[in-house]
Amino acid sequence: MANLQEATQENLAVLIDGIKSKLNMANTQVMRPEDFSLDYYEDLLYLYNMVQKKTSFSINEMTAIVEELGNMRKS
């Protein structure tokens, strides 16, 4: 497994893909790794770790996570 502590483009893709699969997102084109800057890597890593620990998500949690990801996307 990759060392996710390192902020690389490859690790960023692992984080985004991991979050997408855990949330069972239908429209995955909305979240592409290239849409995110490495400036937000630590925030994405935190979100990734939080999402991976949970077994299910309420609608409110899903909405909050998606909104947070939206705030981190490059404009």
C-alpha atoms as a PDB file:
ATOM      1  CA  MET A   1       0.000   0.000   0.000  1.00  0.00           C
ATOM      2  CA  ALA A   2       1.207   3.484  -0.807  1.00  0.00           C
ATOM      3  CA  ASN A   3       2.380   5.838   1.906  1.00  0.00           C
ATOM      4  CA  LEU A   4      -0.553   8.229   1.893  1.00  0.00           C
ATOM      5  CA  GLN A   5       1.313  10.703   4.109  1.00  0.00           C
ATOM      6  CA  GLU A   6       3.119  11.907   0.980  1.00  0.00           C
ATOM      7  CA  ALA A   7       1.272  14.589  -0.979  1.00  0.00           C
ATOM      8  CA  THR A   8       1.648  13.321  -4.537  1.00  0.00           C
ATOM      9  CA  GLN A   9      -0.721  13.367  -7.505  1.00  0.00           C
ATOM     10  CA  GLU A  10      -0.864   9.549  -7.371  1.00  0.00           C
ATOM     11  CA  ASN A  11      -1.826   9.538  -3.687  1.00  0.00           C
ATOM     12  CA  LEU A  12      -4.398  12.252  -4.332  1.00  0.00           C
ATOM     13  CA  ALA A  13      -6.016   9.925  -6.883  1.00  0.00           C
ATOM     14  CA  VAL A  14      -6.023   7.091  -4.294  1.00  0.00           C
ATOM     15  CA  LEU A  15      -7.773   9.371  -1.771  1.00  0.00           C
ATOM     16  CA  ILE A  16     -10.422  10.606  -4.232  1.00  0.00           C
ATOM     17  CA  ASP A  17     -11.104   7.120  -5.603  1.00  0.00           C
ATOM     18  CA  GLY A  18     -11.303   5.695  -2.077  1.00  0.00           C
ATOM     19  CA  ILE A  19     -13.807   8.335  -0.992  1.00  0.00           C
ATOM     20  CA  LYS A  20     -15.895   7.836  -4.146  1.00  0.00           C
ATOM     21  CA  SER A  21     -16.070   4.064  -3.779  1.00  0.00           C
ATOM     22  CA  LYS A  22     -16.840   4.192  -0.042  1.00  0.00           C
ATOM     23  CA  LEU A  23     -19.678   6.660  -0.625  1.00  0.00           C
ATOM     24  CA  ASN A  24     -21.009   4.651  -3.592  1.00  0.00           C
ATOM     25  CA  MET A  25     -21.243   7.853  -5.592  1.00  0.00           C
ATOM     26  CA  ALA A  26     -23.354   7.461  -8.721  1.00  0.00           C
ATOM     27  CA  ASN A  27     -21.905  10.388 -10.668  1.00  0.00           C
ATOM     28  CA  THR A  28     -18.186   9.803 -10.265  1.00  0.00           C
ATOM     29  CA  GLN A  29     -17.290  12.201 -13.086  1.00  0.00           C
ATOM     30  CA  VAL A  30     -18.071  15.031 -10.671  1.00  0.00           C
ATOM     31  CA  MET A  31     -15.030  14.018  -8.629  1.00  0.00           C
ATOM     32  CA  ARG A  32     -11.880  13.579 -10.667  1.00  0.00           C
ATOM     33  CA  PRO A  33      -8.466  13.665  -8.973  1.00  0.00           C
ATOM     34  CA  GLU A  34      -7.247  16.304 -11.444  1.00  0.00           C
ATOM     35  CA  ASP A  35      -9.972  18.647 -10.160  1.00  0.00           C
ATOM     36  CA  PHE A  36      -8.223  18.879  -6.789  1.00  0.00           C
ATOM     37  CA  SER A  37      -5.060  20.726  -5.826  1.00  0.00           C
ATOM     38  CA  LEU A  38      -2.327  19.230  -3.676  1.00  0.00           C
ATOM     39  CA  ASP A  39      -2.845  22.311  -1.482  1.00  0.00           C
ATOM     40  CA  TYR A  40      -5.832  20.459   0.009  1.00  0.00           C
ATOM     41  CA  TYR A  41      -4.004  17.148   0.415  1.00  0.00           C
ATOM     42  CA  GLU A  42      -4.029  17.101   4.218  1.00  0.00           C
ATOM     43  CA  ASP A  43      -7.756  17.947   4.301  1.00  0.00           C
ATOM     44  CA  LEU A  44      -8.486  15.225   1.747  1.00  0.00           C
ATOM     45  CA  LEU A  45      -6.396  12.728   3.717  1.00  0.00           C
ATOM     46  CA  TYR A  46      -8.354  13.555   6.873  1.00  0.00           C
ATOM     47  CA  LEU A  47     -11.659  13.147   5.006  1.00  0.00           C
ATOM     48  CA  TYR A  48     -10.461   9.903   3.424  1.00  0.00           C
ATOM     49  CA  ASN A  49      -9.481   8.430   6.807  1.00  0.00           C
ATOM     50  CA  MET A  50     -12.793   9.473   8.348  1.00  0.00           C
ATOM     51  CA  VAL A  51     -14.808   7.980   5.476  1.00  0.00           C
ATOM     52  CA  GLN A  52     -12.846   4.707   5.527  1.00  0.00           C
ATOM     53  CA  LYS A  53     -13.602   4.166   9.248  1.00  0.00           C
ATOM     54  CA  LYS A  54     -17.383   4.407   8.841  1.00  0.00           C
ATOM     55  CA  THR A  55     -19.609   1.576   7.681  1.00  0.00           C
ATOM     56  CA  SER A  56     -22.580   3.719   6.666  1.00  0.00           C
ATOM     57  CA  PHE A  57     -23.497   7.360   6.198  1.00  0.00           C
ATOM     58  CA  SER A  58     -26.643   9.351   6.895  1.00  0.00           C
ATOM     59  CA  ILE A  59     -28.013  11.645   4.199  1.00  0.00           C
ATOM     60  CA  ASN A  60     -26.753  14.638   6.205  1.00  0.00           C
ATOM     61  CA  GLU A  61     -23.258  13.159   6.456  1.00  0.00           C
ATOM     62  CA  MET A  62     -23.177  12.412   2.720  1.00  0.00           C
ATOM     63  CA  THR A  63     -24.313  15.956   1.930  1.00  0.00           C
ATOM     64  CA  ALA A  64     -21.683  17.448   4.233  1.00  0.00           C
ATOM     65  CA  ILE A  65     -18.898  15.323   2.735  1.00  0.00           C
ATOM     66  CA  VAL A  66     -19.895  16.159  -0.836  1.00  0.00           C
ATOM     67  CA  GLU A  67     -20.149  19.876   0.030  1.00  0.00           C
ATOM     68  CA  GLU A  68     -16.712  19.768   1.658  1.00  0.00           C
ATOM     69  CA  LEU A  69     -15.252  18.102  -1.423  1.00  0.00           C
ATOM     70  CA  GLY A  70     -16.932  20.732  -3.581  1.00  0.00           C
ATOM     71  CA  ASN A  71     -15.255  23.469  -1.535  1.00  0.00           C
ATOM     72  CA  MET A  72     -11.863  21.873  -2.154  1.00  0.00           C
ATOM     73  CA  ARG A  73     -12.236  21.585  -5.926  1.00  0.00           C
ATOM     74  CA  LYS A  74     -10.235  23.887  -8.156  1.00  0.00           C
ATOM     75  CA  SER A  75     -12.428  26.684  -9.451  1.00  0.00           C
END
